[in-house]
């Protein structure tokens, strides 16, 4: 890995993990499914790992994705805390 993954790519990863498809993740993030797909491809290239397997019921997390999900969720919680503190809600 050359650098830190883009936060927007990681947000897409979490949305896909939670929603199970590019289309559903796009709806949650209010972006087109193709944008979600591009961000996922960029993240997989950055990490050098496949994060989802296509299944008849949607996208399933690979072992690698399961391994990083909690760390990305911690990053999300930190980012949300920064937003709350910056806006005076904390």
Protein backbone atom coordinates (compact mmCIF):
# COMPACT_ATOMS: atom_id res chain seq x y z
CA UNK A 1 0.00 0.00 0.00
CA UNK A 2 1.45 3.30 -1.07
CA UNK A 3 -0.59 5.72 0.98
CA UNK A 4 -3.69 6.07 3.03
CA UNK A 5 -6.87 5.06 1.19
CA UNK A 6 -9.23 7.87 0.23
CA UNK A 7 -11.90 8.39 2.91
CA UNK A 8 -14.65 8.58 0.25
CA UNK A 9 -13.55 5.17 -1.06
CA UNK A 10 -13.76 3.78 2.48
CA UNK A 11 -17.23 5.31 2.97
CA UNK A 12 -18.32 3.51 -0.19
CA UNK A 13 -16.83 0.27 1.13
CA UNK A 14 -18.90 0.59 4.33
CA UNK A 15 -22.07 1.41 2.44
CA UNK A 16 -21.62 -1.63 0.19
CA UNK A 17 -20.85 -3.81 3.22
CA UNK A 18 -24.00 -2.60 4.96
CA UNK A 19 -26.36 -2.51 1.97
CA UNK A 20 -25.16 -5.50 -0.08
CA UNK A 21 -25.16 -3.88 -3.52
CA UNK A 22 -23.66 -0.99 -5.45
CA UNK A 23 -27.12 0.40 -6.24
CA UNK A 24 -28.27 0.36 -2.60
CA UNK A 25 -24.97 1.86 -1.44
CA UNK A 26 -25.36 4.59 -4.05
CA UNK A 27 -28.83 5.43 -2.77
CA UNK A 28 -27.54 5.74 0.80
CA UNK A 29 -24.60 7.89 -0.30
CA UNK A 30 -26.72 9.84 -2.81
CA UNK A 31 -24.40 9.03 -5.71
CA UNK A 32 -24.73 6.87 -8.82
CA UNK A 33 -24.02 3.14 -8.52
CA UNK A 34 -21.27 3.52 -11.13
CA UNK A 35 -19.53 6.03 -8.84
CA UNK A 36 -19.69 3.50 -6.00
CA UNK A 37 -18.25 0.86 -8.32
CA UNK A 38 -15.37 3.13 -9.37
CA UNK A 39 -14.57 3.97 -5.76
CA UNK A 40 -14.61 0.28 -4.83
CA UNK A 41 -12.26 -0.51 -7.72
CA UNK A 42 -9.92 2.29 -6.63
CA UNK A 43 -9.90 1.02 -3.04
CA UNK A 44 -9.26 -2.57 -4.11
CA UNK A 45 -6.38 -1.37 -6.30
CA UNK A 46 -4.96 0.72 -3.44
CA UNK A 47 -5.16 -2.20 -1.00
CA UNK A 48 -4.17 -4.83 -3.55
CA UNK A 49 -7.06 -7.02 -2.43
CA UNK A 50 -10.53 -8.05 -3.57
CA UNK A 51 -13.13 -6.91 -1.03
CA UNK A 52 -16.39 -8.40 -2.31
CA UNK A 53 -17.54 -11.54 -4.09
CA UNK A 54 -20.60 -11.38 -6.35
CA UNK A 55 -23.29 -13.82 -5.22
CA UNK A 56 -26.88 -14.43 -6.40
CA UNK A 57 -28.10 -12.41 -3.40
CA UNK A 58 -25.69 -9.50 -3.76
CA UNK A 59 -22.15 -8.63 -2.80
CA UNK A 60 -20.55 -10.65 -0.01
CA UNK A 61 -17.53 -9.53 1.99
CA UNK A 62 -14.29 -11.41 1.41
CA UNK A 63 -12.09 -12.42 4.35
CA UNK A 64 -10.01 -9.30 3.71
CA UNK A 65 -13.10 -7.08 3.83
CA UNK A 66 -14.27 -8.69 7.06
CA UNK A 67 -10.80 -8.08 8.47
CA UNK A 68 -10.78 -4.35 7.74
CA UNK A 69 -14.45 -3.52 8.34
CA UNK A 70 -14.18 -2.81 12.07
CA UNK A 71 -11.15 -0.56 11.53
CA UNK A 72 -13.03 1.40 8.86
CA UNK A 73 -16.05 1.66 11.17
CA UNK A 74 -13.74 3.09 13.86
CA UNK A 75 -12.48 5.65 11.32
CA UNK A 76 -16.09 6.55 10.51
CA UNK A 77 -16.90 7.03 14.19
CA UNK A 78 -13.86 9.29 14.55
CA UNK A 79 -14.84 11.34 11.52
CA UNK A 80 -18.38 11.75 12.84
CA UNK A 81 -17.02 12.83 16.22
CA UNK A 82 -14.88 15.48 14.53
CA UNK A 83 -17.95 16.78 12.65
CA UNK A 84 -20.00 16.91 15.87
CA UNK A 85 -17.28 18.71 17.82
CA UNK A 86 -16.63 21.17 15.01
CA UNK A 87 -20.33 22.04 14.86
CA UNK A 88 -20.54 22.39 18.66
CA UNK A 89 -22.82 19.40 19.19
CA UNK A 90 -20.40 17.63 21.54
